[in-house]
Each structure stands twice: as C-alpha cells, then as structure tokens.
Amino acid sequence: MAKALIQMALDSLDFDQTIALAEQVSPYVDILEVGTPCIKYNGLEIVTALKAKFPNNLILVDLKTMDAGEYEATPFYEAGADICTVLGVSDKATMGGVIKAANANNAEAQIDLISVKDKKAVATEAAKNGAQIIGVHTGLDAQAAGQTPFADLQAIASLNLGVRISVAGGLNKDTIQKTIQAGANIVVVGAAIYGAPSPAESAKELRALVDAA
C-alpha cells in the first residue's frame, strides 16, 4: 500500500497569511489545499502563486463545484491545480465535466460526499465514471453537532472501488492513524496544524504519525 498523503487545509482569506502558513508546513505535507473560502476570496492568483512557490507539493482547489463543471474547473486546472473538487450532490453531468477537465490537464477530480444521502451509490457511480478521489467529508457545521467521518469512511472503504479515499473532518494527532488504518489514502488536516502554537512542529509531528501508520 502506498503511503498516506497529508493534505493541509489553507482556509484563511488573507493572501499573505495563506502563503506564510504554506511556507511553514510544506516540507511536512503532500497536498496544499486552497480552501473554499480562500479560493472564493483570492481566485486564480492564489493557485498560481502556490504552484510557483511550492512545486514539490500537489495543489488542491476546493471549488465544491455544483454546476457548470468543466467550465468552472478548467481555468483552475490550467492555473496549476492538481486536484479540484466537485460536489457529489451535483448532477452526474457536472461531475463528469470536472472529470473531463481534469483528464484534459493531466490532473485529478475529487468527488466530495458532503451532504450526500446515499454515499455508497454516489461513490460507486463516480468511480465508474473516472473520478480519481472520493472525499469523505464531515463539514464544520456537522462537526459542531458532534459528527465524525469514521462511519462514512468505513462504508466507502468497504466498497473497494480502486480509487483513493480522502477524509476530512476534525482530524488530529489522536485520530489520524486510525483514519489511515480504516482505509484513508489522504488525510486532511486544518485546525490541528494552523491552530497549534507552532504549525511547523505540529505538521512535523503529524508527518511522523502518518508515516508510522
């Protein structure tokens, strides 16, 4: 099994703060995620800047596309995104459009299962249609209500779809290893790093835990 990847969620609206945080954590993480609030506020420029400054990291743009998949995703792939996200609650044609744009740019499409009712069915269909990554995602509002991504992860992992599974939802040093052991290929970390006294030290600690898992 290939080693699990760490994805760092960059959620600040501030352009310079986003770059500064990426500088601190980039040696220890694999994927730099331009979070949805950040990409809405900063646009293509933040993608171009991150790609130029951090060529050894993958860049994920969390577009959460809901419509006009190919049209919306294409400029972000062309700006340097390695992965863009599309919502699993969107139309099949919308997901297909993002997958088409990804393939045209030698990149990847991730289907985000946030708020999807029948997660197994959507994940199965998405994998069949060429999506490279399935995102099991417990959002901030759901986390505040006490929800976690683990049951959904187990359900999706049990399908053996042959695609990578990304997991987001309040992961930290206490849960990251069991998340990988339950089937995650990509673990998404946000507050556990950016909320720490030293984001670099926190990222380094999580890197060691992931590599040991």
C-alpha atoms as a PDB file:
ATOM      1  CA  MET A   1       0.000   0.000   0.000  1.00  0.00           C
ATOM      2  CA  ALA A   2       1.331   3.438  -0.937  1.00  0.00           C
ATOM      3  CA  LYS A   3       1.990   5.765   1.942  1.00  0.00           C
ATOM      4  CA  ALA A   4      -0.871   8.001   3.003  1.00  0.00           C
ATOM      5  CA  LEU A   5      -0.741  11.638   1.978  1.00  0.00           C
ATOM      6  CA  ILE A   6      -1.288  14.619   4.271  1.00  0.00           C
ATOM      7  CA  GLN A   7      -3.403  17.465   2.944  1.00  0.00           C
ATOM      8  CA  MET A   8      -3.180  20.849   4.654  1.00  0.00           C
ATOM      9  CA  ALA A   9      -6.328  22.960   4.511  1.00  0.00           C
ATOM     10  CA  LEU A  10      -5.469  26.626   3.938  1.00  0.00           C
ATOM     11  CA  ASP A  11      -8.660  28.399   4.948  1.00  0.00           C
ATOM     12  CA  SER A  12      -7.559  31.969   5.655  1.00  0.00           C
ATOM     13  CA  LEU A  13      -8.990  34.725   3.467  1.00  0.00           C
ATOM     14  CA  ASP A  14      -5.701  36.636   3.710  1.00  0.00           C
ATOM     15  CA  PHE A  15      -3.422  36.032   0.717  1.00  0.00           C
ATOM     16  CA  ASP A  16      -0.135  36.682   2.520  1.00  0.00           C
ATOM     17  CA  GLN A  17      -1.132  34.648   5.588  1.00  0.00           C
ATOM     18  CA  THR A  18      -2.005  31.735   3.331  1.00  0.00           C
ATOM     19  CA  ILE A  19       1.399  31.813   1.645  1.00  0.00           C
ATOM     20  CA  ALA A  20       3.166  32.204   5.004  1.00  0.00           C
ATOM     21  CA  LEU A  21       1.387  29.200   6.507  1.00  0.00           C
ATOM     22  CA  ALA A  22       2.131  27.125   3.417  1.00  0.00           C
ATOM     23  CA  GLU A  23       5.821  28.007   3.784  1.00  0.00           C
ATOM     24  CA  GLN A  24       5.826  26.675   7.350  1.00  0.00           C
ATOM     25  CA  VAL A  25       4.135  23.362   6.624  1.00  0.00           C
ATOM     26  CA  SER A  26       5.079  22.495   3.037  1.00  0.00           C
ATOM     27  CA  PRO A  27       8.092  20.318   3.967  1.00  0.00           C
ATOM     28  CA  TYR A  28       5.835  18.023   6.014  1.00  0.00           C
ATOM     29  CA  VAL A  29       2.651  17.789   3.942  1.00  0.00           C
ATOM     30  CA  ASP A  30       1.960  16.438   0.465  1.00  0.00           C
ATOM     31  CA  ILE A  31      -1.051  18.460  -0.662  1.00  0.00           C
ATOM     32  CA  LEU A  32      -1.708  22.157  -0.122  1.00  0.00           C
ATOM     33  CA  GLU A  33      -5.452  22.742  -0.224  1.00  0.00           C
ATOM     34  CA  VAL A  34      -6.812  26.135  -1.173  1.00  0.00           C
ATOM     35  CA  GLY A  35      -9.937  26.010   0.990  1.00  0.00           C
ATOM     36  CA  THR A  36     -13.307  27.113  -0.340  1.00  0.00           C
ATOM     37  CA  PRO A  37     -13.405  30.482   1.495  1.00  0.00           C
ATOM     38  CA  CYS A  38      -9.820  31.180   0.403  1.00  0.00           C
ATOM     39  CA  ILE A  39     -10.409  30.386  -3.270  1.00  0.00           C
ATOM     40  CA  LYS A  40     -13.619  32.422  -3.372  1.00  0.00           C
ATOM     41  CA  TYR A  41     -11.808  35.409  -1.904  1.00  0.00           C
ATOM     42  CA  ASN A  42      -8.494  35.170  -3.750  1.00  0.00           C
ATOM     43  CA  GLY A  43      -9.288  33.438  -7.030  1.00  0.00           C
ATOM     44  CA  LEU A  44      -6.834  32.116  -9.595  1.00  0.00           C
ATOM     45  CA  GLU A  45      -3.962  34.261  -8.305  1.00  0.00           C
ATOM     46  CA  ILE A  46      -3.543  32.198  -5.125  1.00  0.00           C
ATOM     47  CA  VAL A  47      -3.378  28.979  -7.153  1.00  0.00           C
ATOM     48  CA  THR A  48      -0.728  30.386  -9.479  1.00  0.00           C
ATOM     49  CA  ALA A  49       1.310  31.687  -6.531  1.00  0.00           C
ATOM     50  CA  LEU A  50       1.206  28.415  -4.597  1.00  0.00           C
ATOM     51  CA  LYS A  51       2.093  26.351  -7.670  1.00  0.00           C
ATOM     52  CA  ALA A  52       5.106  28.555  -8.414  1.00  0.00           C
ATOM     53  CA  LYS A  53       6.351  28.697  -4.828  1.00  0.00           C
ATOM     54  CA  PHE A  54       5.759  25.052  -3.861  1.00  0.00           C
ATOM     55  CA  PRO A  55       6.491  22.901  -6.934  1.00  0.00           C
ATOM     56  CA  ASN A  56       7.032  19.797  -4.818  1.00  0.00           C
ATOM     57  CA  ASN A  57       3.535  19.879  -3.308  1.00  0.00           C
ATOM     58  CA  LEU A  58       0.294  18.974  -5.009  1.00  0.00           C
ATOM     59  CA  ILE A  59      -2.237  21.821  -5.116  1.00  0.00           C
ATOM     60  CA  LEU A  60      -5.897  21.039  -4.444  1.00  0.00           C
ATOM     61  CA  VAL A  61      -8.528  23.684  -5.125  1.00  0.00           C
ATOM     62  CA  ASP A  62     -11.648  23.069  -3.064  1.00  0.00           C
ATOM     63  CA  LEU A  63     -14.108  24.532  -5.559  1.00  0.00           C
ATOM     64  CA  LYS A  64     -17.048  22.404  -4.381  1.00  0.00           C
ATOM     65  CA  THR A  65     -18.464  22.842  -7.874  1.00  0.00           C
ATOM     66  CA  MET A  66     -22.252  22.431  -8.088  1.00  0.00           C
ATOM     67  CA  ASP A  67     -22.901  23.298 -11.739  1.00  0.00           C
ATOM     68  CA  ALA A  68     -21.050  24.009 -14.996  1.00  0.00           C
ATOM     69  CA  GLY A  69     -18.350  21.530 -14.039  1.00  0.00           C
ATOM     70  CA  GLU A  70     -15.957  21.645 -16.970  1.00  0.00           C
ATOM     71  CA  TYR A  71     -16.372  25.390 -17.467  1.00  0.00           C
ATOM     72  CA  GLU A  72     -15.705  26.215 -13.813  1.00  0.00           C
ATOM     73  CA  ALA A  73     -12.837  23.785 -13.190  1.00  0.00           C
ATOM     74  CA  THR A  74     -10.831  24.273 -16.385  1.00  0.00           C
ATOM     75  CA  PRO A  75      -9.208  27.644 -15.547  1.00  0.00           C
ATOM     76  CA  PHE A  76      -8.109  26.344 -12.144  1.00  0.00           C
ATOM     77  CA  TYR A  77      -6.503  23.267 -13.655  1.00  0.00           C
ATOM     78  CA  GLU A  78      -4.825  25.500 -16.236  1.00  0.00           C
ATOM     79  CA  ALA A  79      -3.542  27.735 -13.397  1.00  0.00           C
ATOM     80  CA  GLY A  80      -1.812  24.764 -11.794  1.00  0.00           C
ATOM     81  CA  ALA A  81      -4.346  22.843  -9.725  1.00  0.00           C
ATOM     82  CA  ASP A  82      -3.539  19.153  -9.476  1.00  0.00           C
ATOM     83  CA  ILE A  83      -6.932  18.329  -7.955  1.00  0.00           C
ATOM     84  CA  CYS A  84     -10.284  20.139  -7.967  1.00  0.00           C
ATOM     85  CA  THR A  85     -13.374  19.154  -6.004  1.00  0.00           C
ATOM     86  CA  VAL A  86     -16.938  18.761  -7.224  1.00  0.00           C
ATOM     87  CA  LEU A  87     -19.936  18.070  -5.020  1.00  0.00           C
ATOM     88  CA  GLY A  88     -21.413  14.601  -5.019  1.00  0.00           C
ATOM     89  CA  VAL A  89     -24.871  16.149  -4.708  1.00  0.00           C
ATOM     90  CA  SER A  90     -24.405  17.782  -8.112  1.00  0.00           C
ATOM     91  CA  ASP A  91     -25.712  16.386 -11.384  1.00  0.00           C
ATOM     92  CA  LYS A  92     -23.885  13.464 -12.985  1.00  0.00           C
ATOM     93  CA  ALA A  93     -23.050  15.723 -15.939  1.00  0.00           C
ATOM     94  CA  THR A  94     -21.476  18.291 -13.614  1.00  0.00           C
ATOM     95  CA  MET A  95     -19.222  15.680 -12.022  1.00  0.00           C
ATOM     96  CA  GLY A  96     -18.417  14.358 -15.483  1.00  0.00           C
ATOM     97  CA  GLY A  97     -17.421  17.828 -16.610  1.00  0.00           C
ATOM     98  CA  VAL A  98     -14.877  18.219 -13.829  1.00  0.00           C
ATOM     99  CA  ILE A  99     -13.513  14.738 -14.532  1.00  0.00           C
ATOM    100  CA  LYS A 100     -13.186  15.687 -18.227  1.00  0.00           C
ATOM    101  CA  ALA A 101     -11.359  18.926 -17.335  1.00  0.00           C
ATOM    102  CA  ALA A 102      -9.032  17.012 -15.005  1.00  0.00           C
ATOM    103  CA  ASN A 103      -8.168  14.463 -17.664  1.00  0.00           C
ATOM    104  CA  ALA A 104      -7.516  17.204 -20.218  1.00  0.00           C
ATOM    105  CA  ASN A 105      -4.957  18.746 -17.856  1.00  0.00           C
ATOM    106  CA  ASN A 106      -3.299  15.544 -16.611  1.00  0.00           C
ATOM    107  CA  ALA A 107      -4.860  16.201 -13.214  1.00  0.00           C
ATOM    108  CA  GLU A 108      -7.423  14.630 -10.887  1.00  0.00           C
ATOM    109  CA  ALA A 109     -11.040  15.161  -9.864  1.00  0.00           C
ATOM    110  CA  GLN A 110     -12.309  14.609  -6.335  1.00  0.00           C
ATOM    111  CA  ILE A 111     -15.972  13.933  -5.593  1.00  0.00           C
ATOM    112  CA  ASP A 112     -16.927  15.464  -2.230  1.00  0.00           C
ATOM    113  CA  LEU A 113     -19.594  13.410  -0.447  1.00  0.00           C
ATOM    114  CA  ILE A 114     -20.562  16.200   1.973  1.00  0.00           C
ATOM    115  CA  SER A 115     -24.367  16.169   2.465  1.00  0.00           C
ATOM    116  CA  VAL A 116     -24.818  13.211   0.091  1.00  0.00           C
ATOM    117  CA  LYS A 117     -27.548  10.877   1.386  1.00  0.00           C
ATOM    118  CA  ASP A 118     -26.607   7.664  -0.413  1.00  0.00           C
ATOM    119  CA  LYS A 119     -22.843   7.943  -0.216  1.00  0.00           C
ATOM    120  CA  LYS A 120     -22.155   4.386  -1.397  1.00  0.00           C
ATOM    121  CA  ALA A 121     -24.193   4.820  -4.568  1.00  0.00           C
ATOM    122  CA  VAL A 122     -22.664   8.181  -5.471  1.00  0.00           C
ATOM    123  CA  ALA A 123     -19.125   6.981  -4.765  1.00  0.00           C
ATOM    124  CA  THR A 124     -19.640   3.858  -6.867  1.00  0.00           C
ATOM    125  CA  GLU A 125     -21.044   5.837  -9.794  1.00  0.00           C
ATOM    126  CA  ALA A 126     -18.300   8.465  -9.553  1.00  0.00           C
ATOM    127  CA  ALA A 127     -15.544   5.864  -9.566  1.00  0.00           C
ATOM    128  CA  LYS A 128     -17.147   4.152 -12.563  1.00  0.00           C
ATOM    129  CA  ASN A 129     -17.217   7.493 -14.382  1.00  0.00           C
ATOM    130  CA  GLY A 130     -13.495   8.120 -13.838  1.00  0.00           C
ATOM    131  CA  ALA A 131     -13.174  10.152 -10.652  1.00  0.00           C
ATOM    132  CA  GLN A 132      -9.765   9.549  -9.106  1.00  0.00           C
ATOM    133  CA  ILE A 133     -10.560  10.538  -5.499  1.00  0.00           C
ATOM    134  CA  ILE A 134     -13.628  10.160  -3.287  1.00  0.00           C
ATOM    135  CA  GLY A 135     -13.810  12.683  -0.465  1.00  0.00           C
ATOM    136  CA  VAL A 136     -15.425  11.608   2.809  1.00  0.00           C
ATOM    137  CA  HIS A 137     -16.116  14.967   4.392  1.00  0.00           C
ATOM    138  CA  THR A 138     -17.721  15.946   7.672  1.00  0.00           C
ATOM    139  CA  GLY A 139     -18.082  19.721   7.398  1.00  0.00           C
ATOM    140  CA  LEU A 140     -17.504  22.276  10.126  1.00  0.00           C
ATOM    141  CA  ASP A 141     -21.206  22.665  10.890  1.00  0.00           C
ATOM    142  CA  ALA A 142     -21.665  18.897  11.176  1.00  0.00           C
ATOM    143  CA  GLN A 143     -18.548  18.649  13.357  1.00  0.00           C
ATOM    144  CA  ALA A 144     -20.035  21.251  15.681  1.00  0.00           C
ATOM    145  CA  ALA A 145     -23.058  18.958  16.033  1.00  0.00           C
ATOM    146  CA  GLY A 146     -20.769  16.103  17.076  1.00  0.00           C
ATOM    147  CA  GLN A 147     -20.490  14.190  13.805  1.00  0.00           C
ATOM    148  CA  THR A 148     -17.278  12.460  12.660  1.00  0.00           C
ATOM    149  CA  PRO A 149     -16.269  10.922   9.305  1.00  0.00           C
ATOM    150  CA  PHE A 150     -15.367   7.440  10.554  1.00  0.00           C
ATOM    151  CA  ALA A 151     -18.586   5.528   9.828  1.00  0.00           C
ATOM    152  CA  ASP A 152     -18.724   7.001   6.327  1.00  0.00           C
ATOM    153  CA  LEU A 153     -15.067   6.147   5.757  1.00  0.00           C
ATOM    154  CA  GLN A 154     -15.637   2.523   6.704  1.00  0.00           C
ATOM    155  CA  ALA A 155     -18.657   2.319   4.400  1.00  0.00           C
ATOM    156  CA  ILE A 156     -16.764   3.730   1.403  1.00  0.00           C
ATOM    157  CA  ALA A 157     -13.597   1.725   2.081  1.00  0.00           C
ATOM    158  CA  SER A 158     -15.663  -1.480   2.163  1.00  0.00           C
ATOM    159  CA  LEU A 159     -16.642  -0.921  -1.488  1.00  0.00           C
ATOM    160  CA  ASN A 160     -13.062  -1.454  -2.742  1.00  0.00           C
ATOM    161  CA  LEU A 161     -13.612   0.935  -5.630  1.00  0.00           C
ATOM    162  CA  GLY A 162      -9.981   1.157  -6.675  1.00  0.00           C
ATOM    163  CA  VAL A 163      -9.810   4.925  -6.160  1.00  0.00           C
ATOM    164  CA  ARG A 164      -8.164   6.955  -3.422  1.00  0.00           C
ATOM    165  CA  ILE A 165     -10.212   7.995  -0.410  1.00  0.00           C
ATOM    166  CA  SER A 166      -9.690  11.393   1.177  1.00  0.00           C
ATOM    167  CA  VAL A 167     -11.005  12.044   4.685  1.00  0.00           C
ATOM    168  CA  ALA A 168     -11.714  15.435   6.257  1.00  0.00           C
ATOM    169  CA  GLY A 169     -13.471  16.260   9.469  1.00  0.00           C
ATOM    170  CA  GLY A 170     -11.576  17.448  12.527  1.00  0.00           C
ATOM    171  CA  LEU A 171      -8.659  15.014  12.228  1.00  0.00           C
ATOM    172  CA  ASN A 172      -5.848  15.444  14.741  1.00  0.00           C
ATOM    173  CA  LYS A 173      -2.888  13.569  16.246  1.00  0.00           C
ATOM    174  CA  ASP A 174      -5.235  11.311  18.228  1.00  0.00           C
ATOM    175  CA  THR A 175      -7.327  10.191  15.246  1.00  0.00           C
ATOM    176  CA  ILE A 176      -5.068  10.384  12.207  1.00  0.00           C
ATOM    177  CA  GLN A 177      -3.539   6.905  12.474  1.00  0.00           C
ATOM    178  CA  LYS A 178      -6.842   5.099  12.961  1.00  0.00           C
ATOM    179  CA  THR A 179      -8.212   7.026   9.980  1.00  0.00           C
ATOM    180  CA  ILE A 180      -5.451   5.624   7.762  1.00  0.00           C
ATOM    181  CA  GLN A 181      -5.861   2.146   9.214  1.00  0.00           C
ATOM    182  CA  ALA A 182      -9.582   2.339   8.387  1.00  0.00           C
ATOM    183  CA  GLY A 183      -8.811   2.936   4.708  1.00  0.00           C
ATOM    184  CA  ALA A 184      -7.950   6.596   4.120  1.00  0.00           C
ATOM    185  CA  ASN A 185      -5.324   7.337   1.467  1.00  0.00           C
ATOM    186  CA  ILE A 186      -5.390  11.096   2.053  1.00  0.00           C
ATOM    187  CA  VAL A 187      -5.895  12.691   5.477  1.00  0.00           C
ATOM    188  CA  VAL A 188      -6.953  16.321   5.590  1.00  0.00           C
ATOM    189  CA  VAL A 189      -5.780  18.431   8.499  1.00  0.00           C
ATOM    190  CA  GLY A 190      -6.647  22.036   9.235  1.00  0.00           C
ATOM    191  CA  ALA A 191      -7.096  23.369  12.754  1.00  0.00           C
ATOM    192  CA  ALA A 192      -4.791  20.726  14.248  1.00  0.00           C
ATOM    193  CA  ILE A 193      -1.955  22.471  12.377  1.00  0.00           C
ATOM    194  CA  TYR A 194      -2.955  26.099  11.924  1.00  0.00           C
ATOM    195  CA  GLY A 195      -4.353  26.330  15.462  1.00  0.00           C
ATOM    196  CA  ALA A 196      -1.162  24.989  17.048  1.00  0.00           C
ATOM    197  CA  PRO A 197       1.429  27.266  18.716  1.00  0.00           C
ATOM    198  CA  SER A 198       3.896  26.120  16.042  1.00  0.00           C
ATOM    199  CA  PRO A 199       2.196  24.961  12.832  1.00  0.00           C
ATOM    200  CA  ALA A 200       5.511  23.598  11.535  1.00  0.00           C
ATOM    201  CA  GLU A 201       6.091  21.469  14.627  1.00  0.00           C
ATOM    202  CA  SER A 202       2.518  20.195  14.536  1.00  0.00           C
ATOM    203  CA  ALA A 203       2.849  19.287  10.860  1.00  0.00           C
ATOM    204  CA  LYS A 204       6.145  17.521  11.563  1.00  0.00           C
ATOM    205  CA  GLU A 205       4.529  15.505  14.376  1.00  0.00           C
ATOM    206  CA  LEU A 206       1.595  14.506  12.160  1.00  0.00           C
ATOM    207  CA  ARG A 207       4.009  13.514   9.361  1.00  0.00           C
ATOM    208  CA  ALA A 208       5.731  11.096  11.726  1.00  0.00           C
ATOM    209  CA  LEU A 209       2.406   9.620  12.854  1.00  0.00           C
ATOM    210  CA  VAL A 210       1.183   9.171   9.278  1.00  0.00           C
ATOM    211  CA  ASP A 211       4.425   7.574   8.120  1.00  0.00           C
ATOM    212  CA  ALA A 212       4.305   5.193  11.071  1.00  0.00           C
ATOM    213  CA  ALA A 213       0.698   4.194  10.408  1.00  0.00           C
END
